C-alpha atoms as a PDB file:
ATOM      1  CA  UNK A   1     123.323 -44.556 -18.797  1.00  0.00           C
ATOM      2  CA  UNK A   2     123.816 -42.683 -15.292  1.00  0.00           C
ATOM      3  CA  UNK A   3     123.554 -38.451 -16.501  1.00  0.00           C
ATOM      4  CA  UNK A   4     124.454 -37.695 -12.782  1.00  0.00           C
ATOM      5  CA  UNK A   5     127.462 -39.895 -13.348  1.00  0.00           C
ATOM      6  CA  UNK A   6     128.525 -38.788 -16.441  1.00  0.00           C
ATOM      7  CA  UNK A   7     128.573 -34.788 -15.049  1.00  0.00           C
ATOM      8  CA  UNK A   8     130.715 -36.216 -12.288  1.00  0.00           C
ATOM      9  CA  UNK A   9     133.105 -38.388 -14.088  1.00  0.00           C
ATOM     10  CA  UNK A  10     133.624 -34.848 -16.557  1.00  0.00           C
ATOM     11  CA  UNK A  11     133.672 -32.596 -13.000  1.00  0.00           C
ATOM     12  CA  UNK A  12     136.719 -35.182 -11.882  1.00  0.00           C
ATOM     13  CA  UNK A  13     139.086 -35.202 -14.979  1.00  0.00           C
ATOM     14  CA  UNK A  14     138.456 -31.258 -14.865  1.00  0.00           C
ATOM     15  CA  UNK A  15     139.902 -31.648 -11.354  1.00  0.00           C
ATOM     16  CA  UNK A  16     142.040 -33.698 -12.373  1.00  0.00           C
ATOM     17  CA  UNK A  17     144.074 -31.236 -14.536  1.00  0.00           C
ATOM     18  CA  UNK A  18     144.589 -29.082 -11.316  1.00  0.00           C
ATOM     19  CA  UNK A  19     145.020 -32.121  -8.092  1.00  0.00           C
ATOM     20  CA  UNK A  20     147.138 -34.895  -8.251  1.00  0.00           C
ATOM     21  CA  UNK A  21     144.523 -37.346  -7.263  1.00  0.00           C
ATOM     22  CA  UNK A  22     143.361 -41.233  -7.897  1.00  0.00           C
ATOM     23  CA  UNK A  23     139.485 -42.149  -9.204  1.00  0.00           C
ATOM     24  CA  UNK A  24     138.658 -45.197  -9.212  1.00  0.00           C
ATOM     25  CA  UNK A  25     135.604 -45.543 -10.457  1.00  0.00           C
ATOM     26  CA  UNK A  26     132.978 -48.688  -8.896  1.00  0.00           C
ATOM     27  CA  UNK A  27     129.995 -50.244 -10.418  1.00  0.00           C
ATOM     28  CA  UNK A  28     127.817 -50.571  -6.986  1.00  0.00           C
ATOM     29  CA  UNK A  29     125.626 -53.529  -8.848  1.00  0.00           C
ATOM     30  CA  UNK A  30     128.936 -55.445  -8.277  1.00  0.00           C
ATOM     31  CA  UNK A  31     129.084 -55.566  -4.499  1.00  0.00           C
ATOM     32  CA  UNK A  32     125.670 -56.584  -2.998  1.00  0.00           C
ATOM     33  CA  UNK A  33     126.955 -53.844   0.537  1.00  0.00           C
ATOM     34  CA  UNK A  34     127.816 -51.846  -1.642  1.00  0.00           C
ATOM     35  CA  UNK A  35     124.622 -51.407  -3.457  1.00  0.00           C
ATOM     36  CA  UNK A  36     122.860 -51.375  -0.200  1.00  0.00           C
ATOM     37  CA  UNK A  37     124.354 -48.383   1.047  1.00  0.00           C
ATOM     38  CA  UNK A  38     124.785 -46.297  -1.835  1.00  0.00           C
ATOM     39  CA  UNK A  39     121.909 -46.760  -3.941  1.00  0.00           C
ATOM     40  CA  UNK A  40     119.548 -44.151  -3.559  1.00  0.00           C
ATOM     41  CA  UNK A  41     122.546 -41.509  -3.079  1.00  0.00           C
ATOM     42  CA  UNK A  42     124.193 -42.285  -7.025  1.00  0.00           C
ATOM     43  CA  UNK A  43     127.414 -40.818  -7.810  1.00  0.00           C
ATOM     44  CA  UNK A  44     129.199 -41.159  -4.719  1.00  0.00           C
ATOM     45  CA  UNK A  45     132.446 -39.490  -4.217  1.00  0.00           C
ATOM     46  CA  UNK A  46     135.181 -40.337  -1.322  1.00  0.00           C
ATOM     47  CA  UNK A  47     137.940 -37.498  -1.028  1.00  0.00           C
ATOM     48  CA  UNK A  48     140.634 -38.477   0.946  1.00  0.00           C
ATOM     49  CA  UNK A  49     138.265 -41.384   2.422  1.00  0.00           C
ATOM     50  CA  UNK A  50     137.177 -38.689   5.004  1.00  0.00           C
ATOM     51  CA  UNK A  51     134.248 -36.886   2.272  1.00  0.00           C
ATOM     52  CA  UNK A  52     131.336 -38.391   1.046  1.00  0.00           C
ATOM     53  CA  UNK A  53     129.161 -36.805  -1.861  1.00  0.00           C
ATOM     54  CA  UNK A  54     126.552 -38.116  -3.670  1.00  0.00           C
ATOM     55  CA  UNK A  55     123.478 -37.360  -5.869  1.00  0.00           C
ATOM     56  CA  UNK A  56     124.525 -33.410  -7.105  1.00  0.00           C
ATOM     57  CA  UNK A  57     127.963 -32.968  -6.752  1.00  0.00           C
ATOM     58  CA  UNK A  58     129.272 -29.017  -6.011  1.00  0.00           C
ATOM     59  CA  UNK A  59     132.243 -28.832  -7.840  1.00  0.00           C
ATOM     60  CA  UNK A  60     133.618 -26.524  -5.600  1.00  0.00           C
ATOM     61  CA  UNK A  61     133.286 -28.375  -2.393  1.00  0.00           C
ATOM     62  CA  UNK A  62     134.671 -31.408  -3.936  1.00  0.00           C
ATOM     63  CA  UNK A  63     137.839 -28.634  -5.062  1.00  0.00           C
ATOM     64  CA  UNK A  64     138.531 -26.879  -1.554  1.00  0.00           C
ATOM     65  CA  UNK A  65     138.791 -30.390  -0.164  1.00  0.00           C
ATOM     66  CA  UNK A  66     141.074 -31.804  -2.259  1.00  0.00           C
ATOM     67  CA  UNK A  67     142.761 -28.005  -2.423  1.00  0.00           C
ATOM     68  CA  UNK A  68     143.108 -29.666   1.504  1.00  0.00           C
ATOM     69  CA  UNK A  69     144.102 -32.664   1.217  1.00  0.00           C
ATOM     70  CA  UNK A  70     147.478 -31.045  -1.262  1.00  0.00           C
ATOM     71  CA  UNK A  71     148.734 -28.862   2.052  1.00  0.00           C
END
């Protein structure tokens, strides 16, 4: 029911047509440590284990990182 999570899901689906990637969706309420770490910054997108974006996620920024991961 999180609108920002829905936007992030749609953005990743669009980017998935251009980049080879695996998307793993995690329910932060299923793990107390993850919940404590990210509860105020959902949704969170982690790219290649290095880039972590939270809240309103910029598609161009994620796209740029994905481009860098494929080269």
